[in-house]
Structures are given as structure tokens and as C-alpha cells.
N, C-alpha and C. Protein backbone atom coordinates (compact mmCIF):
# COMPACT_ATOMS: atom_id res chain seq x y z
N SER A 1 8.02 -27.27 -42.22
CA SER A 1 6.81 -27.78 -41.61
C SER A 1 5.60 -27.31 -42.40
N ALA A 2 4.47 -28.01 -42.20
CA ALA A 2 3.25 -27.66 -42.93
C ALA A 2 2.68 -26.33 -42.46
N MET A 3 2.95 -25.95 -41.21
CA MET A 3 2.45 -24.69 -40.68
C MET A 3 3.46 -23.59 -40.96
N ASP A 4 2.99 -22.47 -41.44
CA ASP A 4 3.89 -21.34 -41.61
C ASP A 4 3.61 -20.29 -40.53
N ALA A 5 4.35 -19.22 -40.53
CA ALA A 5 4.23 -18.18 -39.49
C ALA A 5 2.84 -17.56 -39.48
N ARG A 6 2.21 -17.47 -40.65
CA ARG A 6 0.87 -16.87 -40.68
C ARG A 6 -0.14 -17.72 -39.95
N SER A 7 -0.11 -19.02 -40.14
CA SER A 7 -1.09 -19.87 -39.47
C SER A 7 -0.84 -19.91 -37.97
N LEU A 8 0.43 -19.80 -37.56
CA LEU A 8 0.74 -19.78 -36.13
C LEU A 8 0.28 -18.47 -35.49
N SER A 9 0.31 -17.38 -36.25
CA SER A 9 -0.09 -16.09 -35.70
C SER A 9 -1.61 -15.95 -35.61
N GLY A 10 -2.34 -16.84 -36.26
CA GLY A 10 -3.79 -16.76 -36.25
C GLY A 10 -4.35 -15.87 -37.34
N LEU A 11 -3.50 -15.39 -38.24
CA LEU A 11 -3.97 -14.53 -39.32
C LEU A 11 -4.22 -15.34 -40.57
N GLU A 12 -5.31 -15.01 -41.25
CA GLU A 12 -5.57 -15.63 -42.53
C GLU A 12 -4.60 -15.03 -43.54
N PRO A 13 -4.17 -15.80 -44.52
CA PRO A 13 -3.29 -15.23 -45.55
C PRO A 13 -3.96 -14.01 -46.20
N GLY A 14 -3.24 -12.89 -46.26
CA GLY A 14 -3.77 -11.68 -46.87
C GLY A 14 -4.73 -10.92 -45.99
N SER A 15 -4.86 -11.29 -44.73
CA SER A 15 -5.80 -10.65 -43.83
C SER A 15 -5.08 -10.05 -42.64
N ARG A 16 -5.67 -9.03 -42.05
CA ARG A 16 -5.13 -8.44 -40.84
C ARG A 16 -5.92 -8.86 -39.61
N ARG A 17 -7.02 -9.59 -39.82
CA ARG A 17 -7.86 -10.03 -38.70
C ARG A 17 -7.52 -11.46 -38.32
N PRO A 18 -7.50 -11.74 -37.03
CA PRO A 18 -7.27 -13.13 -36.61
C PRO A 18 -8.38 -14.04 -37.11
N GLN A 19 -8.02 -15.27 -37.48
CA GLN A 19 -9.00 -16.25 -37.96
C GLN A 19 -10.10 -16.49 -36.94
N ALA A 20 -9.71 -16.68 -35.71
CA ALA A 20 -10.69 -17.04 -34.68
C ALA A 20 -11.79 -16.01 -34.58
N VAL A 21 -11.47 -14.74 -34.67
CA VAL A 21 -12.49 -13.71 -34.54
C VAL A 21 -13.43 -13.74 -35.73
N SER A 22 -12.88 -13.83 -36.96
CA SER A 22 -13.76 -13.82 -38.12
C SER A 22 -14.50 -15.15 -38.29
N LYS A 23 -13.85 -16.25 -37.94
CA LYS A 23 -14.47 -17.56 -38.12
C LYS A 23 -15.54 -17.82 -37.06
N PHE A 24 -15.29 -17.37 -35.84
CA PHE A 24 -16.21 -17.62 -34.74
C PHE A 24 -16.72 -16.31 -34.15
N LYS A 25 -17.09 -15.39 -35.02
CA LYS A 25 -17.48 -14.04 -34.59
C LYS A 25 -18.62 -14.07 -33.56
N ARG A 26 -19.64 -14.84 -33.83
CA ARG A 26 -20.79 -14.87 -32.93
C ARG A 26 -20.39 -15.37 -31.53
N ALA A 27 -19.65 -16.45 -31.49
CA ALA A 27 -19.23 -17.01 -30.19
C ALA A 27 -18.32 -16.02 -29.46
N THR A 28 -17.43 -15.37 -30.19
CA THR A 28 -16.52 -14.40 -29.59
C THR A 28 -17.30 -13.23 -29.00
N LEU A 29 -18.28 -12.71 -29.74
CA LEU A 29 -19.09 -11.60 -29.24
C LEU A 29 -19.92 -12.01 -28.03
N GLU A 30 -20.48 -13.21 -28.05
CA GLU A 30 -21.27 -13.68 -26.91
C GLU A 30 -20.40 -13.81 -25.67
N ARG A 31 -19.18 -14.28 -25.83
CA ARG A 31 -18.28 -14.38 -24.68
C ARG A 31 -17.90 -13.01 -24.17
N ALA A 32 -17.63 -12.08 -25.07
CA ALA A 32 -17.27 -10.71 -24.67
C ALA A 32 -18.43 -10.05 -23.92
N GLU A 33 -19.65 -10.29 -24.37
CA GLU A 33 -20.82 -9.70 -23.71
C GLU A 33 -20.96 -10.19 -22.27
N LYS A 34 -20.53 -11.39 -22.00
CA LYS A 34 -20.62 -11.94 -20.64
C LYS A 34 -19.74 -11.15 -19.66
N TYR A 35 -18.67 -10.52 -20.17
CA TYR A 35 -17.78 -9.73 -19.30
C TYR A 35 -18.46 -8.48 -18.76
N VAL A 36 -19.48 -7.99 -19.45
CA VAL A 36 -20.17 -6.77 -19.00
C VAL A 36 -21.64 -7.02 -18.67
N SER A 37 -22.05 -8.25 -18.68
CA SER A 37 -23.45 -8.61 -18.44
C SER A 37 -23.89 -8.28 -17.02
N ASP A 38 -25.14 -7.85 -16.90
CA ASP A 38 -25.71 -7.65 -15.56
C ASP A 38 -26.55 -8.86 -15.16
N VAL A 39 -26.47 -9.94 -15.96
CA VAL A 39 -27.22 -11.16 -15.68
C VAL A 39 -26.28 -12.35 -15.45
N TYR A 40 -25.30 -12.54 -16.35
CA TYR A 40 -24.43 -13.71 -16.31
C TYR A 40 -23.10 -13.42 -15.61
N PHE A 41 -22.67 -14.34 -14.76
CA PHE A 41 -21.35 -14.31 -14.12
C PHE A 41 -21.06 -13.00 -13.39
N THR A 42 -22.09 -12.42 -12.80
CA THR A 42 -21.91 -11.11 -12.15
C THR A 42 -20.99 -11.17 -10.93
N ASP A 43 -20.76 -12.37 -10.41
CA ASP A 43 -19.83 -12.47 -9.27
C ASP A 43 -18.37 -12.35 -9.71
N VAL A 44 -18.09 -12.52 -11.00
CA VAL A 44 -16.71 -12.48 -11.47
C VAL A 44 -16.48 -11.58 -12.69
N ASN A 45 -17.51 -11.05 -13.32
CA ASN A 45 -17.28 -10.26 -14.53
C ASN A 45 -16.97 -8.80 -14.19
N VAL A 46 -16.66 -8.02 -15.22
CA VAL A 46 -16.26 -6.62 -15.03
C VAL A 46 -17.36 -5.81 -14.34
N ARG A 47 -18.59 -5.94 -14.79
CA ARG A 47 -19.69 -5.19 -14.18
C ARG A 47 -19.83 -5.54 -12.70
N GLY A 48 -19.75 -6.81 -12.38
CA GLY A 48 -19.87 -7.23 -10.99
C GLY A 48 -18.76 -6.68 -10.11
N LYS A 49 -17.57 -6.55 -10.67
CA LYS A 49 -16.44 -6.00 -9.91
C LYS A 49 -16.54 -4.48 -9.77
N LEU A 50 -17.04 -3.80 -10.81
CA LEU A 50 -17.17 -2.34 -10.74
C LEU A 50 -18.37 -1.92 -9.89
N TYR A 51 -19.45 -2.69 -9.96
CA TYR A 51 -20.68 -2.35 -9.25
C TYR A 51 -21.11 -3.54 -8.39
N PRO A 52 -20.39 -3.80 -7.30
CA PRO A 52 -20.67 -5.00 -6.51
C PRO A 52 -22.01 -4.98 -5.78
N LYS A 53 -22.50 -3.80 -5.44
CA LYS A 53 -23.76 -3.71 -4.72
C LYS A 53 -24.90 -3.70 -5.72
N LYS A 54 -25.73 -4.71 -5.63
CA LYS A 54 -26.90 -4.73 -6.51
C LYS A 54 -28.12 -4.48 -5.64
N GLN A 55 -28.53 -3.26 -5.64
CA GLN A 55 -29.67 -2.88 -4.83
C GLN A 55 -30.59 -2.03 -5.68
N GLU A 56 -31.82 -2.40 -5.71
CA GLU A 56 -32.79 -1.63 -6.46
C GLU A 56 -33.08 -0.34 -5.71
N VAL A 57 -33.16 0.74 -6.43
CA VAL A 57 -33.51 2.03 -5.84
C VAL A 57 -34.86 2.42 -6.44
N PRO A 58 -35.92 2.35 -5.64
CA PRO A 58 -37.24 2.66 -6.20
C PRO A 58 -37.35 4.14 -6.57
N VAL A 59 -38.07 4.38 -7.64
CA VAL A 59 -38.31 5.74 -8.10
C VAL A 59 -39.44 6.34 -7.26
N ASP A 60 -39.19 7.53 -6.72
CA ASP A 60 -40.22 8.21 -5.94
C ASP A 60 -41.29 8.81 -6.86
N THR A 61 -40.84 9.54 -7.86
CA THR A 61 -41.78 10.10 -8.85
C THR A 61 -41.14 10.07 -10.23
N LEU A 62 -41.98 9.92 -11.23
CA LEU A 62 -41.55 9.94 -12.63
C LEU A 62 -42.55 10.77 -13.40
N ARG A 63 -42.08 11.87 -13.98
CA ARG A 63 -42.95 12.77 -14.73
C ARG A 63 -42.33 13.05 -16.09
N PHE A 64 -43.16 13.52 -17.04
CA PHE A 64 -42.67 13.75 -18.40
C PHE A 64 -43.27 15.02 -18.99
N HIS A 65 -42.60 15.48 -20.04
CA HIS A 65 -43.12 16.57 -20.87
C HIS A 65 -42.80 16.19 -22.31
N SER A 66 -43.79 16.27 -23.18
CA SER A 66 -43.61 15.96 -24.60
C SER A 66 -43.84 17.21 -25.43
N THR A 67 -43.02 17.37 -26.46
CA THR A 67 -43.16 18.50 -27.36
C THR A 67 -42.62 18.14 -28.74
N ALA A 68 -43.16 18.76 -29.76
CA ALA A 68 -42.64 18.57 -31.12
C ALA A 68 -41.54 19.60 -31.41
N GLU A 69 -41.36 20.54 -30.48
CA GLU A 69 -40.36 21.60 -30.65
C GLU A 69 -39.00 21.17 -30.15
N ARG A 70 -37.97 21.85 -30.66
CA ARG A 70 -36.63 21.74 -30.10
C ARG A 70 -36.52 22.86 -29.07
N ILE A 71 -36.29 22.51 -27.82
CA ILE A 71 -36.23 23.52 -26.77
C ILE A 71 -34.95 23.36 -25.95
N SER A 72 -34.53 24.45 -25.34
CA SER A 72 -33.33 24.43 -24.51
C SER A 72 -33.66 23.83 -23.15
N TYR A 73 -32.64 23.52 -22.40
CA TYR A 73 -32.82 22.99 -21.05
C TYR A 73 -33.58 24.01 -20.19
N ASP A 74 -33.18 25.26 -20.27
CA ASP A 74 -33.85 26.31 -19.48
C ASP A 74 -35.33 26.40 -19.82
N GLU A 75 -35.66 26.33 -21.11
CA GLU A 75 -37.07 26.37 -21.52
C GLU A 75 -37.80 25.12 -21.04
N ALA A 76 -37.14 23.97 -21.11
CA ALA A 76 -37.77 22.72 -20.67
C ALA A 76 -38.13 22.78 -19.19
N MET A 77 -37.28 23.39 -18.38
CA MET A 77 -37.52 23.46 -16.94
C MET A 77 -38.71 24.36 -16.60
N LYS A 78 -39.13 25.19 -17.53
CA LYS A 78 -40.30 26.06 -17.33
C LYS A 78 -41.60 25.36 -17.71
N ARG A 79 -41.49 24.24 -18.43
CA ARG A 79 -42.68 23.54 -18.93
C ARG A 79 -43.33 22.71 -17.83
N GLU A 80 -44.60 22.35 -18.09
CA GLU A 80 -45.35 21.50 -17.15
C GLU A 80 -45.00 20.03 -17.40
N PHE A 81 -44.63 19.33 -16.35
CA PHE A 81 -44.35 17.89 -16.42
C PHE A 81 -45.52 17.16 -15.78
N LYS A 82 -45.96 16.09 -16.44
CA LYS A 82 -47.11 15.32 -15.96
C LYS A 82 -46.66 13.93 -15.51
N PRO A 83 -47.40 13.30 -14.59
CA PRO A 83 -47.03 11.95 -14.14
C PRO A 83 -47.08 10.93 -15.29
N VAL A 84 -46.15 10.01 -15.27
CA VAL A 84 -46.10 8.93 -16.26
C VAL A 84 -46.98 7.79 -15.76
N SER A 85 -47.75 7.20 -16.66
CA SER A 85 -48.58 6.04 -16.32
C SER A 85 -47.86 4.77 -16.74
N LYS A 86 -48.04 3.71 -15.97
CA LYS A 86 -47.43 2.43 -16.31
C LYS A 86 -47.94 1.98 -17.68
N GLY A 87 -47.02 1.59 -18.55
CA GLY A 87 -47.38 1.13 -19.89
C GLY A 87 -47.57 2.25 -20.90
N GLN A 88 -47.40 3.48 -20.48
CA GLN A 88 -47.59 4.63 -21.38
C GLN A 88 -46.55 4.61 -22.49
N SER A 89 -46.95 4.94 -23.70
CA SER A 89 -46.00 5.01 -24.81
C SER A 89 -45.76 6.46 -25.18
N PHE A 90 -44.63 6.70 -25.83
CA PHE A 90 -44.24 8.05 -26.19
C PHE A 90 -43.91 8.08 -27.67
N GLY A 91 -44.44 9.04 -28.35
CA GLY A 91 -44.22 9.16 -29.79
C GLY A 91 -44.88 10.41 -30.29
N PRO A 92 -44.76 10.72 -31.52
CA PRO A 92 -44.02 10.01 -32.57
C PRO A 92 -42.50 10.13 -32.37
N SER A 93 -41.76 9.37 -33.16
CA SER A 93 -40.31 9.27 -32.96
C SER A 93 -39.58 10.59 -33.16
N TRP A 94 -40.13 11.52 -33.91
CA TRP A 94 -39.44 12.80 -34.14
C TRP A 94 -39.74 13.83 -33.04
N SER A 95 -40.58 13.49 -32.10
CA SER A 95 -40.88 14.44 -31.03
C SER A 95 -39.89 14.27 -29.88
N THR A 96 -39.89 15.24 -28.99
CA THR A 96 -38.98 15.24 -27.85
C THR A 96 -39.74 14.90 -26.59
N HIS A 97 -39.18 14.00 -25.79
CA HIS A 97 -39.80 13.60 -24.53
C HIS A 97 -38.78 13.79 -23.42
N LEU A 98 -39.12 14.62 -22.47
CA LEU A 98 -38.24 14.93 -21.35
C LEU A 98 -38.80 14.26 -20.11
N PHE A 99 -37.92 13.71 -19.28
CA PHE A 99 -38.36 13.00 -18.08
C PHE A 99 -37.70 13.59 -16.85
N GLU A 100 -38.48 13.66 -15.80
CA GLU A 100 -37.99 14.09 -14.50
C GLU A 100 -38.11 12.87 -13.58
N VAL A 101 -36.98 12.41 -13.09
CA VAL A 101 -36.93 11.23 -12.23
C VAL A 101 -36.46 11.66 -10.85
N CYS A 102 -37.25 11.35 -9.84
CA CYS A 102 -36.87 11.65 -8.45
C CYS A 102 -36.74 10.33 -7.70
N LEU A 103 -35.62 10.16 -7.01
CA LEU A 103 -35.39 8.96 -6.22
C LEU A 103 -34.52 9.30 -5.03
N THR A 104 -34.52 8.43 -4.06
CA THR A 104 -33.70 8.60 -2.87
C THR A 104 -32.52 7.65 -2.96
N ILE A 105 -31.32 8.20 -2.93
CA ILE A 105 -30.11 7.39 -3.02
C ILE A 105 -29.80 6.85 -1.62
N PRO A 106 -29.66 5.53 -1.48
CA PRO A 106 -29.37 4.94 -0.17
C PRO A 106 -28.03 5.46 0.38
N ASN A 107 -27.96 5.62 1.69
CA ASN A 107 -26.73 6.13 2.33
C ASN A 107 -25.51 5.30 2.00
N GLU A 108 -25.66 3.97 1.85
CA GLU A 108 -24.50 3.13 1.57
C GLU A 108 -23.94 3.34 0.17
N PHE A 109 -24.65 4.06 -0.70
CA PHE A 109 -24.15 4.39 -2.02
C PHE A 109 -23.31 5.66 -2.00
N LEU A 110 -23.42 6.43 -0.92
CA LEU A 110 -22.72 7.71 -0.83
C LEU A 110 -21.32 7.56 -0.28
């Protein structure tokens, strides 16, 4: 027959990767992303099955501390944390930014 075992297996001659993955890489990746998406097909995808309750939990307070130093957790907890403003940016990229997030977890999550 015109088809040999390699073409039936989906492997390109001399390759260990299936043709479909290398030939249609973008489409394959887009389909795989849908399995973990928090936007698409959430009623049937993996994320939707693992985390069926979609409830926003508002943040009570959000504060930060920025430093150019490398500091330990214990040292960080001694530092002053300031409130974060909406739209605030943090930088430069080599600096360290620590955040304190306080929220109330709903009883149905416990």
C-alpha cells in the first residue's frame, strides 16, 4: 500500500514528533489552553471541574513594601507596609516588592 507504518503512526520519517503536533502546533496549543482556561468552556474544562465555584473574594486591604535590598522574610515582616493605590506601578525591575493581602474567605470555601 502507499501508506507505510510511519505515516499511520503519525510520525514524520526520521522524526520522533507526531506530524499533527508539529504541523498544526498553534491550533494544538490553542486547544490545549482551552482545557485550563478560566474564560472558555469553564462548564466542562479541567479548571471548571477542579474549581466549580466562581466567586469573587474582595480584598479587604492591600499594602506593599519596596526595597532595593535582598531581605529575609523575618526582616520583611518588621518593615513598614503602605497602602497600594489603584494604578500604582512598581519598579525598577531589580528591586523587591512585597505585598500584604488581607481578605475574608467565604464560609462555603472552607
